[in-house]
Amino acid sequence: MRVKRAWRIGWLPAAVLATGGCFATRGDVVKLQNTVFAMQEASRLQQAASDSAHRAQMVQLARQVTREVGALSDTLRIVSELLRRFQGDVSLWSHSVDEQLLALQELTGQSQKRLQELKAEMEAREAQFAVPPTGAPAGTATAPAVTPPNQLFQLARQQLQGGATGAARAAFEEFLTQYPAHELAGEAQMWIAESYDFDGNKVAADSAYALVVQKYAGSPAASRSLYKRALLLRDAGRVAEARALLQQIVERYPRSNEFLLAQDLLRTLKP
């Protein structure tokens, strides 16, 4: 449009001359040409100014976009850092909880062990000062027909701690034969499973752990046996079965010491 317009303006003096004939002087032609040149220059300057303004707008827009992209990048970096810290804090918290739980289990186990030892000592003293049968010399104590339960349980534990897994297993089995309804029966069955585990007999250990849950579901040993079975199955690559046992702990034993351990292992043990 600008070229076409300039072409028309450039030919304007000739048109005036053609129509005006001798009425137009040379000075008039010069003035007209100067006017045309001035109009062309004004048009060029106006177009240049328009282009410059457009470029300035584009530069300003580009700078604004750059600032916004930079701000967004900073925000994403901050969010990423916060997320990384959060994940680290959660991991540390989970590890700390696990450590505290294991420590609590150890303390609880020690307290129970000490209580059992005290009961065994009381049983031994009762046996020592038992009333002798009629006709027996004075001061003679009667020998019990069977070993008292806590004494027998402690004897089996000592055998297991000393590495005599076979003797310990036999003692725990004798305990279950003599005292099948005792409060420690579930514990005894669990330690039978432990003895097989110590010997490396994973199949027998798994079966023995399963008996704890089947026969002594109300015992504290049930949740521990489920968890230990889950570990055995996990190590054997039977992940789905391990997850099923861990889920049983979460659903059936929410107050057990193994509850948080089962939850944590479920999060890390992918199907």
Protein backbone atom coordinates (compact mmCIF):
# COMPACT_ATOMS: atom_id res chain seq x y z
CA MET A 1 0.00 0.00 0.00
CA ARG A 2 2.84 2.39 0.88
CA VAL A 3 4.63 1.80 -2.49
CA LYS A 4 1.46 2.14 -4.48
CA ARG A 5 0.61 5.34 -2.67
CA ALA A 6 4.07 6.75 -3.25
CA TRP A 7 3.80 5.88 -6.94
CA ARG A 8 0.61 7.82 -7.20
CA ILE A 9 2.06 10.80 -5.36
CA GLY A 10 5.19 10.72 -7.50
CA TRP A 11 3.14 11.02 -10.67
CA LEU A 12 1.01 13.83 -9.28
CA PRO A 13 3.17 16.70 -10.67
CA ALA A 14 2.98 15.22 -14.16
CA ALA A 15 -0.78 14.95 -13.90
CA VAL A 16 -1.03 18.54 -12.77
CA LEU A 17 1.17 19.63 -15.65
CA ALA A 18 -0.91 17.61 -18.06
CA THR A 19 -4.16 19.15 -16.94
CA GLY A 20 -2.89 22.60 -16.11
CA GLY A 21 -0.78 23.06 -19.24
CA CYS A 22 1.07 26.37 -19.30
CA PHE A 23 -0.72 27.70 -16.24
CA ALA A 24 1.81 25.89 -13.89
CA THR A 25 5.23 27.56 -13.49
CA ARG A 26 8.49 25.78 -12.77
CA GLY A 27 8.42 27.09 -9.19
CA ASP A 28 5.02 25.55 -8.68
CA VAL A 29 6.34 22.19 -9.83
CA VAL A 30 9.28 22.39 -7.43
CA LYS A 31 6.98 23.25 -4.54
CA LEU A 32 4.71 20.38 -5.41
CA GLN A 33 7.63 17.96 -5.58
CA ASN A 34 8.88 19.18 -2.19
CA THR A 35 5.42 18.65 -0.78
CA VAL A 36 5.32 15.10 -2.14
CA PHE A 37 8.78 14.32 -0.75
CA ALA A 38 7.74 15.71 2.63
CA MET A 39 4.62 13.53 2.62
CA GLN A 40 6.67 10.48 1.71
CA GLU A 41 9.19 11.19 4.45
CA ALA A 42 6.40 11.70 6.99
CA SER A 43 4.85 8.38 5.96
CA ARG A 44 8.19 6.62 6.28
CA LEU A 45 8.84 8.14 9.72
CA GLN A 46 5.36 7.21 10.85
CA GLN A 47 5.87 3.61 9.73
CA ALA A 48 9.28 3.49 11.40
CA ALA A 49 7.79 4.83 14.61
CA SER A 50 5.03 2.22 14.44
CA ASP A 51 7.58 -0.56 13.89
CA SER A 52 9.72 0.72 16.76
CA ALA A 53 6.72 0.80 19.09
CA HIS A 54 5.79 -2.71 18.05
CA ARG A 55 9.32 -3.93 18.70
CA ALA A 56 9.33 -2.20 22.09
CA GLN A 57 6.07 -3.93 22.98
CA MET A 58 7.47 -7.30 21.92
CA VAL A 59 10.65 -6.73 23.93
CA GLN A 60 8.60 -5.75 26.98
CA LEU A 61 6.36 -8.79 26.55
CA ALA A 62 9.39 -11.08 26.20
CA ARG A 63 10.91 -9.64 29.36
CA GLN A 64 7.65 -10.14 31.24
CA VAL A 65 7.40 -13.74 30.05
CA THR A 66 11.02 -14.33 31.06
CA ARG A 67 10.36 -12.93 34.55
CA GLU A 68 7.24 -15.06 34.98
CA VAL A 69 9.02 -18.18 33.76
CA GLY A 70 11.87 -17.45 36.14
CA ALA A 71 9.46 -16.96 39.04
CA LEU A 72 7.68 -20.21 38.14
CA SER A 73 10.99 -22.03 37.96
CA ASP A 74 11.95 -20.70 41.39
CA THR A 75 8.58 -21.81 42.77
CA LEU A 76 8.98 -25.29 41.32
CA ARG A 77 12.49 -25.51 42.75
CA ILE A 78 11.23 -24.48 46.20
CA VAL A 79 8.35 -26.96 46.03
CA SER A 80 10.74 -29.72 44.93
CA GLU A 81 13.08 -28.94 47.82
CA LEU A 82 10.22 -28.89 50.32
CA LEU A 83 8.96 -32.21 48.98
CA ARG A 84 12.45 -33.72 49.23
CA ARG A 85 12.78 -32.51 52.82
CA PHE A 86 9.30 -33.81 53.66
CA GLN A 87 10.15 -37.23 52.26
CA GLY A 88 13.38 -37.24 54.23
CA ASP A 89 11.57 -36.21 57.42
CA VAL A 90 8.96 -38.95 56.91
CA SER A 91 11.70 -41.52 56.33
CA LEU A 92 13.56 -40.42 59.46
CA TRP A 93 10.34 -40.39 61.47
CA SER A 94 9.45 -43.87 60.27
CA HIS A 95 12.94 -45.13 61.08
CA SER A 96 12.78 -43.51 64.52
CA VAL A 97 9.38 -45.06 65.23
CA ASP A 98 10.66 -48.47 64.19
CA GLU A 99 13.69 -48.12 66.46
CA GLN A 100 11.55 -47.00 69.40
CA LEU A 101 9.10 -49.81 68.78
CA LEU A 102 11.87 -52.39 68.70
CA ALA A 103 13.29 -50.94 71.89
CA LEU A 104 9.86 -51.12 73.50
CA GLN A 105 9.48 -54.71 72.38
CA GLU A 106 12.85 -55.52 73.89
CA LEU A 107 11.93 -53.87 77.18
CA THR A 108 8.54 -55.58 77.19
CA GLY A 109 10.18 -58.91 76.49
CA GLN A 110 12.66 -58.36 79.30
CA SER A 111 9.86 -57.47 81.72
CA GLN A 112 7.88 -60.55 80.76
CA LYS A 113 10.98 -62.69 81.06
CA ARG A 114 11.73 -61.30 84.51
CA LEU A 115 8.13 -61.88 85.58
CA GLN A 116 8.32 -65.48 84.40
CA GLU A 117 11.58 -65.94 86.29
CA LEU A 118 9.97 -64.64 89.47
CA LYS A 119 7.02 -66.99 89.01
CA ALA A 120 9.43 -69.87 88.48
CA GLU A 121 11.25 -68.96 91.70
CA MET A 122 7.95 -68.87 93.59
CA GLU A 123 7.03 -72.29 92.22
CA ALA A 124 10.41 -73.65 93.31
CA ARG A 125 9.94 -72.30 96.82
CA GLU A 126 6.42 -73.67 97.02
CA ALA A 127 7.73 -77.07 96.00
CA GLN A 128 10.51 -76.82 98.58
CA PHE A 129 8.14 -76.09 101.43
CA ALA A 130 5.33 -78.40 100.32
CA VAL A 131 3.54 -80.36 103.08
CA PRO A 132 4.98 -83.92 103.27
CA PRO A 133 2.62 -86.88 102.97
CA THR A 134 1.33 -88.70 106.06
CA GLY A 135 4.01 -90.88 107.63
CA ALA A 136 6.93 -89.06 106.05
CA PRO A 137 9.70 -87.80 108.34
CA ALA A 138 9.33 -84.24 109.56
CA GLY A 139 10.93 -81.65 107.30
CA THR A 140 10.58 -83.82 104.21
CA ALA A 141 9.17 -81.97 101.21
CA THR A 142 7.13 -83.71 98.59
CA ALA A 143 8.57 -83.85 95.11
CA PRO A 144 6.10 -82.55 92.57
CA ALA A 145 4.76 -85.07 90.11
CA VAL A 146 5.59 -82.74 87.23
CA THR A 147 7.75 -79.68 86.81
CA PRO A 148 5.76 -76.48 87.50
CA PRO A 149 4.85 -74.53 84.33
CA ASN A 150 7.01 -71.44 84.77
CA GLN A 151 10.00 -73.53 85.80
CA LEU A 152 9.58 -75.74 82.75
CA PHE A 153 9.16 -72.72 80.50
CA GLN A 154 12.29 -71.06 81.89
CA LEU A 155 14.24 -74.29 81.48
CA ALA A 156 13.23 -74.45 77.82
CA ARG A 157 14.19 -70.80 77.28
CA GLN A 158 17.60 -71.36 78.84
CA GLN A 159 18.19 -74.32 76.55
CA LEU A 160 17.28 -72.21 73.52
CA GLN A 161 19.50 -69.32 74.60
CA GLY A 162 22.35 -71.75 75.05
CA GLY A 163 21.97 -72.95 71.45
CA ALA A 164 20.52 -76.36 72.37
CA THR A 165 17.60 -76.00 69.96
CA GLY A 166 16.63 -79.67 70.06
CA ALA A 167 16.49 -79.79 73.86
CA ALA A 168 14.63 -76.49 73.97
CA ARG A 169 12.08 -77.73 71.45
CA ALA A 170 11.52 -80.90 73.46
CA ALA A 171 11.03 -78.87 76.66
CA PHE A 172 8.53 -76.52 75.01
CA GLU A 173 6.63 -79.49 73.58
CA GLU A 174 6.53 -81.04 77.05
CA PHE A 175 5.22 -77.74 78.38
CA LEU A 176 2.36 -77.79 75.84
CA THR A 177 1.59 -81.42 76.70
CA GLN A 178 1.37 -80.73 80.43
CA TYR A 179 -0.13 -77.22 80.29
CA PRO A 180 -2.05 -76.80 77.00
CA ALA A 181 -4.29 -74.05 78.41
CA HIS A 182 -1.57 -72.10 80.21
CA GLU A 183 -1.19 -68.39 79.48
CA LEU A 184 2.29 -69.10 78.10
CA ALA A 185 1.14 -71.83 75.71
CA GLY A 186 1.16 -69.46 72.72
CA GLU A 187 4.65 -68.29 73.64
CA ALA A 188 5.84 -71.88 73.91
CA GLN A 189 4.49 -72.70 70.44
CA MET A 190 6.15 -69.58 69.03
CA TRP A 191 9.51 -70.57 70.53
CA ILE A 192 9.16 -74.00 68.97
CA ALA A 193 8.88 -72.20 65.63
CA GLU A 194 11.90 -70.07 66.57
CA SER A 195 13.93 -73.19 67.30
CA TYR A 196 13.20 -74.51 63.81
CA ASP A 197 14.11 -71.11 62.38
CA PHE A 198 17.43 -71.15 64.26
CA ASP A 199 18.14 -74.55 62.73
CA GLY A 200 17.46 -73.20 59.24
CA ASN A 201 14.35 -75.33 58.78
CA LYS A 202 12.16 -72.60 57.28
CA VAL A 203 9.32 -74.93 56.25
CA ALA A 204 8.91 -76.37 59.75
CA ALA A 205 9.23 -72.88 61.25
CA ASP A 206 6.46 -71.58 58.98
CA SER A 207 4.14 -74.43 60.00
CA ALA A 208 4.89 -73.91 63.69
CA TYR A 209 4.24 -70.17 63.44
CA ALA A 210 0.92 -70.92 61.72
CA LEU A 211 -0.11 -73.11 64.68
CA VAL A 212 0.32 -70.17 67.04
CA VAL A 213 -2.34 -68.19 65.16
CA GLN A 214 -4.62 -71.19 64.73
CA LYS A 215 -4.56 -72.38 68.36
CA TYR A 216 -3.65 -69.26 70.36
CA ALA A 217 -5.11 -66.33 68.41
CA GLY A 218 -5.62 -64.32 71.62
CA SER A 219 -2.00 -64.64 72.71
CA PRO A 220 0.49 -61.76 72.21
CA ALA A 221 2.58 -64.36 70.40
CA ALA A 222 -0.02 -64.51 67.57
CA SER A 223 0.82 -61.11 66.07
CA ARG A 224 4.55 -61.79 66.44
CA SER A 225 4.17 -65.15 64.73
CA LEU A 226 2.22 -63.57 61.87
CA TYR A 227 4.96 -60.98 61.41
CA LYS A 228 7.74 -63.57 61.49
CA ARG A 229 5.83 -65.73 59.02
CA ALA A 230 5.48 -62.69 56.75
CA LEU A 231 9.26 -62.17 56.88
CA LEU A 232 9.87 -65.81 56.00
CA LEU A 233 7.47 -65.61 53.05
CA ARG A 234 8.98 -62.33 51.88
CA ASP A 235 12.47 -63.82 51.92
CA ALA A 236 11.14 -66.80 49.96
CA GLY A 237 9.75 -64.48 47.28
CA ARG A 238 6.11 -65.17 48.19
CA VAL A 239 5.24 -61.48 48.40
CA ALA A 240 1.46 -61.75 47.98
CA GLU A 241 1.19 -64.23 50.87
CA ALA A 242 3.46 -62.06 53.01
CA ARG A 243 1.29 -59.00 52.36
CA ALA A 244 -1.83 -60.99 53.29
CA LEU A 245 -0.33 -61.88 56.68
CA LEU A 246 0.75 -58.28 57.30
CA GLN A 247 -2.77 -57.13 56.48
CA GLN A 248 -4.10 -59.57 59.06
CA ILE A 249 -1.92 -57.91 61.69
CA VAL A 250 -3.23 -54.47 60.72
CA GLU A 251 -6.86 -55.60 60.81
CA ARG A 252 -6.85 -58.03 63.75
CA TYR A 253 -4.09 -56.74 66.05
CA PRO A 254 -4.14 -52.91 65.93
CA ARG A 255 -2.81 -52.65 69.49
CA SER A 256 0.05 -55.06 69.07
CA ASN A 257 3.71 -54.11 68.93
CA GLU A 258 3.82 -55.44 65.38
CA PHE A 259 1.07 -53.13 64.09
CA LEU A 260 3.35 -50.27 63.03
CA LEU A 261 5.99 -52.67 61.75
CA ALA A 262 3.39 -54.36 59.56
CA GLN A 263 2.16 -51.02 58.21
CA ASP A 264 5.69 -49.91 57.40
CA LEU A 265 6.52 -53.17 55.65
CA LEU A 266 3.27 -53.03 53.66
CA ARG A 267 4.31 -49.61 52.31
CA THR A 268 7.70 -50.88 51.15
CA LEU A 269 6.68 -54.38 50.08
CA LYS A 270 5.24 -53.87 46.61
CA PRO A 271 2.72 -56.39 45.23
